[in-house]
Amino acid sequence: MKNNVFIFHGTEGYPEENWFPWLKEKLEAKGCKVIVPQFPTPPVVPAKISEWFDVLKKYEQDINEDAIIIGHSLGGVFTLRVLEKLNKTIKAAFLTGTPIGVQPILNYDRDSAFSGFEFDWEKIKKSCKHFEVFQSDDDPYVGLANGEELAKYLGVELTFIPNAGHFNKKAGCLDFPQLLDKLEVLL
């Protein structure tokens, strides 16, 4: 069965930003179905997690045992919330520059208002067979300790990428070969 790969953008994000188009093209060339939903993310005010779940409803049939979810920034928080609600196990989750409540977080109040930072780690781990966590040392939005703690909670090694900023266009991140390398092992 082919893999369904989801890419979840972050705050004020959209499907055509950062490394998402590059990764989508690479994965589609390998036969994957790649879904990059546009979530409502208004400027300045917090996004509403209920609205993100409303968008995801139309893709529920694609979230199966061969599904892989890649979350960037607040999209990583949403990935964790999806895993908390699943009554099945997906293949993998990749979390990049994901805030989990460890300061410093530039938009802490806004991110916290999205869903809070309390997570059911046991349920999350039961809903996914494989995790990867990526974090940089110079992310201006999400401090390194978030990636370190997230990896610890999930029982995985942190993939540390120096000088990658927030893994976004502003940091020059228009491709993400380290993530693709780890993905290819699972395809």
N, C-alpha and C. Protein backbone atom coordinates (compact mmCIF):
# COMPACT_ATOMS: atom_id res chain seq x y z
N MET A 1 0.84 -1.19 0.00
CA MET A 1 0.00 0.00 0.00
C MET A 1 0.89 1.25 0.00
N LYS A 2 0.50 2.24 -0.77
CA LYS A 2 1.30 3.47 -0.81
C LYS A 2 1.07 4.27 0.47
N ASN A 3 2.03 5.09 0.78
CA ASN A 3 1.95 5.92 1.97
C ASN A 3 1.19 7.20 1.68
N ASN A 4 0.34 7.57 2.62
CA ASN A 4 -0.30 8.87 2.60
C ASN A 4 0.52 9.76 3.52
N VAL A 5 1.09 10.82 2.97
CA VAL A 5 1.94 11.71 3.75
C VAL A 5 1.24 13.06 3.89
N PHE A 6 1.07 13.48 5.13
CA PHE A 6 0.49 14.78 5.43
C PHE A 6 1.61 15.73 5.84
N ILE A 7 1.51 16.97 5.39
CA ILE A 7 2.41 18.02 5.86
C ILE A 7 1.53 19.11 6.45
N PHE A 8 1.72 19.37 7.75
CA PHE A 8 0.94 20.39 8.45
C PHE A 8 1.80 21.63 8.66
N HIS A 9 1.35 22.76 8.11
CA HIS A 9 2.07 24.02 8.28
C HIS A 9 1.83 24.60 9.68
N GLY A 10 2.52 25.69 9.97
CA GLY A 10 2.40 26.33 11.27
C GLY A 10 1.61 27.62 11.23
N THR A 11 1.82 28.44 12.24
CA THR A 11 1.13 29.71 12.40
C THR A 11 1.32 30.60 11.17
N GLU A 12 0.21 31.10 10.66
CA GLU A 12 0.19 31.96 9.48
C GLU A 12 0.85 31.30 8.27
N GLY A 13 0.85 29.97 8.26
CA GLY A 13 1.49 29.22 7.19
C GLY A 13 0.53 28.88 6.07
N TYR A 14 1.10 28.24 5.04
CA TYR A 14 0.30 27.81 3.89
C TYR A 14 1.05 26.70 3.15
N PRO A 15 0.35 25.93 2.35
CA PRO A 15 0.93 24.74 1.72
C PRO A 15 2.12 24.98 0.80
N GLU A 16 2.24 26.15 0.22
CA GLU A 16 3.30 26.41 -0.75
C GLU A 16 4.52 27.08 -0.14
N GLU A 17 4.65 27.11 1.17
CA GLU A 17 5.78 27.81 1.78
C GLU A 17 6.90 26.85 2.17
N ASN A 18 8.02 27.46 2.49
CA ASN A 18 9.18 26.75 3.04
C ASN A 18 9.61 25.58 2.15
N TRP A 19 9.87 24.44 2.75
CA TRP A 19 10.33 23.23 2.05
C TRP A 19 9.18 22.31 1.67
N PHE A 20 7.95 22.72 1.94
CA PHE A 20 6.81 21.84 1.68
C PHE A 20 6.67 21.46 0.20
N PRO A 21 6.72 22.42 -0.75
CA PRO A 21 6.60 22.02 -2.16
C PRO A 21 7.73 21.10 -2.61
N TRP A 22 8.94 21.36 -2.15
CA TRP A 22 10.09 20.52 -2.51
C TRP A 22 9.86 19.09 -2.02
N LEU A 23 9.46 18.94 -0.75
CA LEU A 23 9.25 17.61 -0.19
C LEU A 23 8.07 16.92 -0.86
N LYS A 24 7.00 17.65 -1.12
CA LYS A 24 5.83 17.08 -1.80
C LYS A 24 6.24 16.50 -3.15
N GLU A 25 7.00 17.25 -3.91
CA GLU A 25 7.45 16.78 -5.23
C GLU A 25 8.31 15.52 -5.12
N LYS A 26 9.23 15.51 -4.16
CA LYS A 26 10.11 14.34 -3.98
C LYS A 26 9.30 13.10 -3.60
N LEU A 27 8.33 13.26 -2.70
CA LEU A 27 7.54 12.12 -2.23
C LEU A 27 6.57 11.62 -3.30
N GLU A 28 5.98 12.54 -4.03
CA GLU A 28 5.07 12.12 -5.11
C GLU A 28 5.83 11.34 -6.18
N ALA A 29 7.08 11.71 -6.42
CA ALA A 29 7.90 10.97 -7.39
C ALA A 29 8.17 9.55 -6.92
N LYS A 30 8.04 9.31 -5.62
CA LYS A 30 8.23 7.96 -5.05
C LYS A 30 6.89 7.22 -4.90
N GLY A 31 5.81 7.81 -5.42
CA GLY A 31 4.52 7.14 -5.39
C GLY A 31 3.66 7.44 -4.18
N CYS A 32 4.06 8.37 -3.35
CA CYS A 32 3.27 8.73 -2.18
C CYS A 32 2.14 9.67 -2.56
N LYS A 33 1.05 9.57 -1.83
CA LYS A 33 -0.01 10.57 -1.92
C LYS A 33 0.34 11.61 -0.85
N VAL A 34 0.53 12.86 -1.26
CA VAL A 34 0.94 13.91 -0.33
C VAL A 34 -0.19 14.92 -0.18
N ILE A 35 -0.59 15.15 1.05
CA ILE A 35 -1.70 16.05 1.37
C ILE A 35 -1.15 17.17 2.24
N VAL A 36 -1.31 18.41 1.76
CA VAL A 36 -0.83 19.58 2.50
C VAL A 36 -2.03 20.51 2.70
N PRO A 37 -2.82 20.28 3.75
CA PRO A 37 -4.03 21.08 3.94
C PRO A 37 -3.71 22.54 4.28
N GLN A 38 -4.63 23.41 3.89
CA GLN A 38 -4.56 24.81 4.31
C GLN A 38 -5.44 24.96 5.55
N PHE A 39 -4.81 25.23 6.67
CA PHE A 39 -5.54 25.44 7.91
C PHE A 39 -5.78 26.92 8.12
N PRO A 40 -6.91 27.28 8.75
CA PRO A 40 -7.15 28.69 9.04
C PRO A 40 -6.16 29.17 10.11
N THR A 41 -5.44 30.21 9.80
CA THR A 41 -4.46 30.74 10.74
C THR A 41 -4.40 32.26 10.59
N PRO A 42 -5.33 32.93 11.26
CA PRO A 42 -5.42 34.38 11.13
C PRO A 42 -4.21 35.08 11.73
N PRO A 43 -3.85 36.24 11.16
CA PRO A 43 -2.72 36.98 11.73
C PRO A 43 -3.05 37.52 13.12
N VAL A 44 -2.06 37.56 13.95
CA VAL A 44 -2.07 38.16 15.30
C VAL A 44 -2.86 37.35 16.32
N VAL A 45 -4.08 36.93 16.01
CA VAL A 45 -4.90 36.20 16.99
C VAL A 45 -4.60 34.70 16.90
N PRO A 46 -4.85 33.96 17.99
CA PRO A 46 -4.58 32.52 17.96
C PRO A 46 -5.48 31.78 16.96
N ALA A 47 -4.90 30.79 16.31
CA ALA A 47 -5.70 29.88 15.49
C ALA A 47 -6.58 29.05 16.42
N LYS A 48 -7.65 28.49 15.88
CA LYS A 48 -8.56 27.67 16.68
C LYS A 48 -8.38 26.21 16.28
N ILE A 49 -7.98 25.39 17.24
CA ILE A 49 -7.72 23.98 16.94
C ILE A 49 -8.96 23.28 16.41
N SER A 50 -10.14 23.68 16.86
CA SER A 50 -11.37 23.05 16.37
C SER A 50 -11.53 23.27 14.87
N GLU A 51 -11.10 24.44 14.38
CA GLU A 51 -11.18 24.72 12.95
C GLU A 51 -10.18 23.87 12.17
N TRP A 52 -9.03 23.59 12.78
CA TRP A 52 -8.04 22.73 12.10
C TRP A 52 -8.58 21.30 12.00
N PHE A 53 -9.23 20.82 13.07
CA PHE A 53 -9.83 19.49 13.01
C PHE A 53 -10.95 19.44 11.97
N ASP A 54 -11.70 20.54 11.81
CA ASP A 54 -12.74 20.59 10.78
C ASP A 54 -12.14 20.40 9.39
N VAL A 55 -11.01 21.04 9.13
CA VAL A 55 -10.33 20.89 7.83
C VAL A 55 -9.86 19.45 7.65
N LEU A 56 -9.32 18.86 8.71
CA LEU A 56 -8.77 17.51 8.62
C LEU A 56 -9.84 16.44 8.39
N LYS A 57 -11.09 16.72 8.76
CA LYS A 57 -12.17 15.73 8.62
C LYS A 57 -12.27 15.16 7.21
N LYS A 58 -12.06 16.00 6.21
CA LYS A 58 -12.22 15.50 4.84
C LYS A 58 -11.11 14.54 4.42
N TYR A 59 -10.08 14.41 5.25
CA TYR A 59 -8.97 13.51 4.94
C TYR A 59 -8.91 12.30 5.89
N GLU A 60 -9.94 12.13 6.72
CA GLU A 60 -9.92 11.05 7.72
C GLU A 60 -9.63 9.69 7.12
N GLN A 61 -10.19 9.41 5.94
CA GLN A 61 -9.98 8.09 5.32
C GLN A 61 -8.53 7.88 4.92
N ASP A 62 -7.76 8.95 4.80
CA ASP A 62 -6.36 8.84 4.42
C ASP A 62 -5.43 8.65 5.61
N ILE A 63 -5.97 8.80 6.81
CA ILE A 63 -5.16 8.59 8.01
C ILE A 63 -5.30 7.13 8.41
N ASN A 64 -4.36 6.31 7.92
CA ASN A 64 -4.41 4.87 8.15
C ASN A 64 -3.05 4.37 8.64
N GLU A 65 -2.88 3.06 8.66
CA GLU A 65 -1.64 2.47 9.20
C GLU A 65 -0.41 2.80 8.35
N ASP A 66 -0.61 3.27 7.14
CA ASP A 66 0.51 3.66 6.28
C ASP A 66 0.69 5.18 6.22
N ALA A 67 -0.03 5.90 7.04
CA ALA A 67 0.04 7.36 7.03
C ALA A 67 1.28 7.86 7.78
N ILE A 68 1.82 8.94 7.26
CA ILE A 68 2.94 9.64 7.88
C ILE A 68 2.52 11.10 8.00
N ILE A 69 2.70 11.67 9.19
CA ILE A 69 2.36 13.08 9.39
C ILE A 69 3.64 13.85 9.70
N ILE A 70 3.82 14.96 8.98
CA ILE A 70 4.95 15.85 9.20
C ILE A 70 4.39 17.17 9.69
N GLY A 71 4.78 17.58 10.89
CA GLY A 71 4.28 18.83 11.44
C GLY A 71 5.40 19.83 11.62
N HIS A 72 5.19 21.04 11.11
CA HIS A 72 6.16 22.12 11.27
C HIS A 72 5.58 23.16 12.23
N SER A 73 6.33 23.49 13.27
CA SER A 73 5.96 24.53 14.22
C SER A 73 4.61 24.19 14.87
N LEU A 74 3.62 25.07 14.75
CA LEU A 74 2.31 24.79 15.34
C LEU A 74 1.67 23.56 14.69
N GLY A 75 2.07 23.26 13.46
CA GLY A 75 1.62 22.03 12.81
C GLY A 75 2.10 20.79 13.54
N GLY A 76 3.24 20.91 14.24
CA GLY A 76 3.72 19.82 15.09
C GLY A 76 2.84 19.64 16.32
N VAL A 77 2.41 20.76 16.90
CA VAL A 77 1.47 20.69 18.03
C VAL A 77 0.18 20.02 17.57
N PHE A 78 -0.31 20.42 16.39
CA PHE A 78 -1.53 19.82 15.86
C PHE A 78 -1.33 18.32 15.61
N THR A 79 -0.17 17.94 15.13
CA THR A 79 0.13 16.51 14.94
C THR A 79 -0.02 15.76 16.25
N LEU A 80 0.51 16.31 17.33
CA LEU A 80 0.39 15.66 18.64
C LEU A 80 -1.08 15.55 19.05
N ARG A 81 -1.87 16.59 18.79
CA ARG A 81 -3.30 16.56 19.14
C ARG A 81 -4.04 15.51 18.30
N VAL A 82 -3.69 15.39 17.04
CA VAL A 82 -4.30 14.36 16.18
C VAL A 82 -3.99 12.98 16.75
N LEU A 83 -2.74 12.76 17.12
CA LEU A 83 -2.34 11.45 17.67
C LEU A 83 -3.05 11.15 18.98
N GLU A 84 -3.33 12.16 19.77
CA GLU A 84 -4.08 11.94 21.02
C GLU A 84 -5.49 11.44 20.75
N LYS A 85 -6.07 11.83 19.64
CA LYS A 85 -7.46 11.48 19.33
C LYS A 85 -7.62 10.20 18.51
N LEU A 86 -6.54 9.76 17.87
CA LEU A 86 -6.65 8.60 16.99
C LEU A 86 -6.98 7.31 17.74
N ASN A 87 -7.78 6.49 17.11
CA ASN A 87 -8.08 5.15 17.64
C ASN A 87 -7.43 4.09 16.76
N LYS A 88 -6.35 4.47 16.12
CA LYS A 88 -5.56 3.56 15.28
C LYS A 88 -4.12 4.00 15.38
N THR A 89 -3.24 3.26 14.75
CA THR A 89 -1.81 3.57 14.80
C THR A 89 -1.33 3.92 13.40
N ILE A 90 -0.67 5.07 13.28
CA ILE A 90 -0.10 5.47 11.99
C ILE A 90 1.36 5.02 11.92
N LYS A 91 1.94 5.12 10.74
CA LYS A 91 3.31 4.67 10.52
C LYS A 91 4.34 5.57 11.20
N ALA A 92 4.22 6.90 11.03
CA ALA A 92 5.27 7.78 11.55
C ALA A 92 4.78 9.21 11.70
N ALA A 93 5.48 9.93 12.57
CA ALA A 93 5.27 11.37 12.74
C ALA A 93 6.64 12.04 12.81
N PHE A 94 6.78 13.12 12.06
CA PHE A 94 8.00 13.92 12.02
C PHE A 94 7.65 15.31 12.55
N LEU A 95 8.34 15.74 13.57
CA LEU A 95 8.02 17.00 14.24
C LEU A 95 9.22 17.94 14.12
N THR A 96 8.97 19.11 13.56
CA THR A 96 10.04 20.04 13.23
C THR A 96 9.77 21.41 13.85
N GLY A 97 10.69 21.87 14.70
CA GLY A 97 10.52 23.19 15.32
C GLY A 97 9.21 23.31 16.06
N THR A 98 8.87 22.28 16.83
CA THR A 98 7.56 22.18 17.48
C THR A 98 7.61 22.72 18.91
N PRO A 99 6.78 23.73 19.23
CA PRO A 99 6.74 24.23 20.60
C PRO A 99 5.90 23.33 21.49
N ILE A 100 6.45 22.92 22.63
CA ILE A 100 5.67 22.11 23.57
C ILE A 100 5.56 22.78 24.94
N GLY A 101 5.89 24.06 25.01
CA GLY A 101 5.68 24.80 26.24
C GLY A 101 6.92 25.17 27.00
N VAL A 102 8.10 24.77 26.52
CA VAL A 102 9.35 25.08 27.21
C VAL A 102 9.83 26.45 26.71
N GLN A 103 9.96 27.40 27.63
CA GLN A 103 10.43 28.73 27.23
C GLN A 103 11.90 28.66 26.81
N PRO A 104 12.39 29.46 25.88
CA PRO A 104 11.63 30.51 25.21
C PRO A 104 10.84 30.02 24.00
N ILE A 105 9.65 30.56 23.89
CA ILE A 105 8.80 30.42 22.71
C ILE A 105 8.33 31.84 22.39
N LEU A 106 8.65 32.34 21.22
CA LEU A 106 8.37 33.73 20.89
C LEU A 106 6.90 34.09 21.05
N ASN A 107 6.01 33.27 20.52
CA ASN A 107 4.57 33.54 20.58
C ASN A 107 3.89 32.60 21.58
N TYR A 108 4.45 32.50 22.78
CA TYR A 108 3.98 31.52 23.76
C TYR A 108 2.48 31.62 23.99
N ASP A 109 1.98 32.81 24.30
CA ASP A 109 0.56 32.96 24.62
C ASP A 109 -0.33 32.57 23.44
N ARG A 110 0.08 32.99 22.26
CA ARG A 110 -0.70 32.66 21.06
C ARG A 110 -0.68 31.16 20.80
N ASP A 111 0.49 30.54 20.89
CA ASP A 111 0.58 29.09 20.68
C ASP A 111 -0.15 28.32 21.76
N SER A 112 -0.04 28.77 23.00
CA SER A 112 -0.71 28.10 24.11
C SER A 112 -2.23 28.18 23.95
N ALA A 113 -2.73 29.31 23.46
CA ALA A 113 -4.17 29.48 23.27
C ALA A 113 -4.72 28.52 22.22
N PHE A 114 -3.87 28.04 21.32
CA PHE A 114 -4.29 27.10 20.27
C PHE A 114 -4.79 25.81 20.90
N SER A 115 -4.04 25.25 21.85
CA SER A 115 -4.46 23.99 22.45
C SER A 115 -3.85 23.72 23.82
N GLY A 116 -3.07 24.65 24.32
CA GLY A 116 -2.37 24.38 25.58
C GLY A 116 -1.16 23.50 25.33
N PHE A 117 -0.39 23.28 26.39
CA PHE A 117 0.84 22.50 26.25
C PHE A 117 0.86 21.26 27.13
N GLU A 118 -0.29 20.79 27.56
CA GLU A 118 -0.37 19.53 28.30
C GLU A 118 -0.69 18.43 27.28
N PHE A 119 0.14 17.38 27.27
CA PHE A 119 -0.04 16.33 26.28
C PHE A 119 -0.16 14.97 26.96
N ASP A 120 -0.93 14.07 26.35
CA ASP A 120 -1.06 12.69 26.80
C ASP A 120 -0.01 11.87 26.05
N TRP A 121 1.21 11.86 26.58
CA TRP A 121 2.33 11.23 25.89
C TRP A 121 2.12 9.74 25.66
N GLU A 122 1.51 9.06 26.59
CA GLU A 122 1.28 7.62 26.41
C GLU A 122 0.34 7.36 25.24
N LYS A 123 -0.74 8.12 25.15
CA LYS A 123 -1.68 7.96 24.04
C LYS A 123 -1.01 8.31 22.71
N ILE A 124 -0.23 9.39 22.72
CA ILE A 124 0.48 9.80 21.51
C ILE A 124 1.40 8.68 21.03
N LYS A 125 2.16 8.09 21.95
CA LYS A 125 3.10 7.02 21.57
C LYS A 125 2.38 5.76 21.10
N LYS A 126 1.19 5.50 21.62
CA LYS A 126 0.42 4.33 21.18
C LYS A 126 -0.16 4.52 19.78
N SER A 127 -0.31 5.77 19.35
CA SER A 127 -0.94 6.07 18.07
C SER A 127 0.03 6.18 16.91
N CYS A 128 1.31 5.96 17.18
CA CYS A 128 2.32 6.13 16.13
C CYS A 128 3.48 5.18 16.36
N LYS A 129 3.90 4.50 15.29
CA LYS A 129 4.98 3.51 15.42
C LYS A 129 6.37 4.13 15.45
N HIS A 130 6.55 5.27 14.81
CA HIS A 130 7.90 5.83 14.64
C HIS A 130 7.84 7.36 14.73
N PHE A 131 8.76 7.93 15.48
CA PHE A 131 8.84 9.39 15.62
C PHE A 131 10.21 9.89 15.22
N GLU A 132 10.25 11.09 14.67
CA GLU A 132 11.49 11.83 14.43
C GLU A 132 11.25 13.26 14.90
N VAL A 133 12.23 13.83 15.59
CA VAL A 133 12.13 15.20 16.08
C VAL A 133 13.34 15.98 15.57
N PHE A 134 13.08 17.11 14.93
CA PHE A 134 14.13 17.98 14.40
C PHE A 134 14.08 19.32 15.12
N GLN A 135 15.25 19.82 15.51
CA GLN A 135 15.31 21.13 16.15
C GLN A 135 16.65 21.77 15.83
N SER A 136 16.65 23.08 15.77
CA SER A 136 17.87 23.84 15.52
C SER A 136 18.26 24.63 16.77
N ASP A 137 19.50 25.08 16.80
CA ASP A 137 19.98 25.85 17.95
C ASP A 137 19.68 27.34 17.83
N ASP A 138 19.32 27.80 16.65
CA ASP A 138 19.10 29.24 16.48
C ASP A 138 17.68 29.55 16.00
N ASP A 139 16.72 28.73 16.40
CA ASP A 139 15.32 28.95 16.06
C ASP A 139 14.84 30.18 16.84
N PRO A 140 14.45 31.27 16.16
CA PRO A 140 14.02 32.47 16.87
C PRO A 140 12.63 32.36 17.50
N TYR A 141 11.88 31.32 17.15
CA TYR A 141 10.52 31.14 17.65
C TYR A 141 10.42 30.08 18.73
N VAL A 142 11.15 28.99 18.57
CA VAL A 142 11.02 27.83 19.46
C VAL A 142 12.41 27.44 19.97
N GLY A 143 12.62 27.59 21.28
CA GLY A 143 13.92 27.27 21.86
C GLY A 143 14.28 25.80 21.74
N LEU A 144 15.58 25.54 21.70
CA LEU A 144 16.12 24.19 21.54
C LEU A 144 15.57 23.21 22.57
N ALA A 145 15.33 23.67 23.79
CA ALA A 145 14.84 22.78 24.85
C ALA A 145 13.50 22.13 24.49
N ASN A 146 12.70 22.77 23.64
CA ASN A 146 11.44 22.16 23.21
C ASN A 146 11.70 20.87 22.44
N GLY A 147 12.65 20.90 21.52
CA GLY A 147 13.00 19.70 20.77
C GLY A 147 13.61 18.64 21.65
N GLU A 148 14.46 19.07 22.59
CA GLU A 148 15.09 18.11 23.50
C GLU A 148 14.05 17.41 24.37
N GLU A 149 13.12 18.18 24.92
CA GLU A 149 12.07 17.60 25.77
C GLU A 149 11.12 16.73 24.95
N LEU A 150 10.75 17.20 23.78
CA LEU A 150 9.85 16.43 22.92
C LEU A 150 10.45 15.07 22.59
N ALA A 151 11.71 15.06 22.21
CA ALA A 151 12.39 13.79 21.90
C ALA A 151 12.41 12.89 23.13
N LYS A 152 12.66 13.47 24.29
CA LYS A 152 12.69 12.69 25.53
C LYS A 152 11.32 12.07 25.81
N TYR A 153 10.26 12.87 25.71
CA TYR A 153 8.91 12.35 25.96
C TYR A 153 8.54 11.23 25.00
N LEU A 154 9.01 11.33 23.77
CA LEU A 154 8.67 10.32 22.75
C LEU A 154 9.64 9.14 22.74
N GLY A 155 10.71 9.25 23.51
CA GLY A 155 11.68 8.15 23.60
C GLY A 155 12.53 7.99 22.36
N VAL A 156 12.87 9.12 21.72
CA VAL A 156 13.69 9.08 20.50
C VAL A 156 14.88 10.03 20.63
N GLU A 157 15.83 9.87 19.74
CA GLU A 157 16.96 10.79 19.67
C GLU A 157 16.54 12.05 18.92
N LEU A 158 16.97 13.18 19.41
CA LEU A 158 16.74 14.44 18.72
C LEU A 158 17.67 14.53 17.51
N THR A 159 17.11 14.90 16.37
CA THR A 159 17.95 15.22 15.21
C THR A 159 18.21 16.72 15.28
N PHE A 160 19.42 17.05 15.66
CA PHE A 160 19.82 18.44 15.84
C PHE A 160 20.46 18.94 14.55
N ILE A 161 19.94 20.04 14.04
CA ILE A 161 20.49 20.62 12.81
C ILE A 161 20.92 22.05 13.13
N PRO A 162 22.22 22.28 13.23
CA PRO A 162 22.69 23.62 13.59
C PRO A 162 22.39 24.66 12.51
N ASN A 163 22.14 25.86 12.98
CA ASN A 163 21.96 27.02 12.09
C ASN A 163 20.82 26.86 11.08
N ALA A 164 19.78 26.13 11.43
CA ALA A 164 18.64 25.95 10.53
C ALA A 164 17.48 26.87 10.87
N GLY A 165 17.66 27.72 11.89
CA GLY A 165 16.59 28.63 12.27
C GLY A 165 15.30 27.88 12.57
N HIS A 166 14.20 28.41 12.05
CA HIS A 166 12.89 27.80 12.27
C HIS A 166 12.50 26.88 11.10
N PHE A 167 13.49 26.42 10.36
CA PHE A 167 13.25 25.53 9.23
C PHE A 167 12.25 26.15 8.25
N ASN A 168 12.40 27.44 8.01
CA ASN A 168 11.49 28.15 7.12
C ASN A 168 12.25 28.93 6.06
N LYS A 169 11.50 29.55 5.17
CA LYS A 169 12.11 30.30 4.07
C LYS A 169 13.02 31.40 4.60
N LYS A 170 12.59 32.06 5.66
CA LYS A 170 13.39 33.15 6.24
C LYS A 170 14.78 32.65 6.65
N ALA A 171 14.86 31.40 7.07
CA ALA A 171 16.15 30.80 7.45
C ALA A 171 16.85 30.16 6.25
N GLY A 172 16.26 30.31 5.06
CA GLY A 172 16.86 29.73 3.86
C GLY A 172 16.55 28.27 3.66
N CYS A 173 15.53 27.78 4.34
CA CYS A 173 15.20 26.35 4.30
C CYS A 173 14.11 26.10 3.24
N LEU A 174 14.54 25.94 1.99
CA LEU A 174 13.61 25.66 0.91
C LEU A 174 13.65 24.19 0.50
N ASP A 175 14.57 23.45 1.07
CA ASP A 175 14.58 22.00 0.95
C ASP A 175 14.95 21.45 2.33
N PHE A 176 14.81 20.16 2.50
CA PHE A 176 15.03 19.57 3.82
C PHE A 176 15.54 18.14 3.61
N PRO A 177 16.77 17.99 3.09
CA PRO A 177 17.27 16.65 2.77
C PRO A 177 17.40 15.73 3.99
N GLN A 178 17.66 16.28 5.17
CA GLN A 178 17.78 15.44 6.37
C GLN A 178 16.44 14.76 6.68
N LEU A 179 15.35 15.48 6.51
CA LEU A 179 14.03 14.90 6.74
C LEU A 179 13.73 13.87 5.67
N LEU A 180 14.01 14.20 4.42
CA LEU A 180 13.76 13.26 3.33
C LEU A 180 14.54 11.97 3.53
N ASP A 181 15.78 12.06 3.95
CA ASP A 181 16.59 10.86 4.19
C ASP A 181 15.93 9.94 5.22
N LYS A 182 15.41 10.52 6.29
CA LYS A 182 14.77 9.71 7.33
C LYS A 182 13.42 9.17 6.87
N LEU A 183 12.73 9.92 6.03
CA LEU A 183 11.46 9.46 5.46
C LEU A 183 11.66 8.28 4.52
N GLU A 184 12.67 8.36 3.67
CA GLU A 184 12.89 7.33 2.65
C GLU A 184 13.07 5.95 3.26
N VAL A 185 13.61 5.87 4.44
CA VAL A 185 13.80 4.59 5.13
C VAL A 185 12.45 3.92 5.40
N LEU A 186 11.41 4.73 5.57
CA LEU A 186 10.09 4.21 5.94
C LEU A 186 9.17 3.94 4.75
N LEU A 187 9.55 4.41 3.58
CA LEU A 187 8.66 4.28 2.42
C LEU A 187 8.73 2.90 1.80
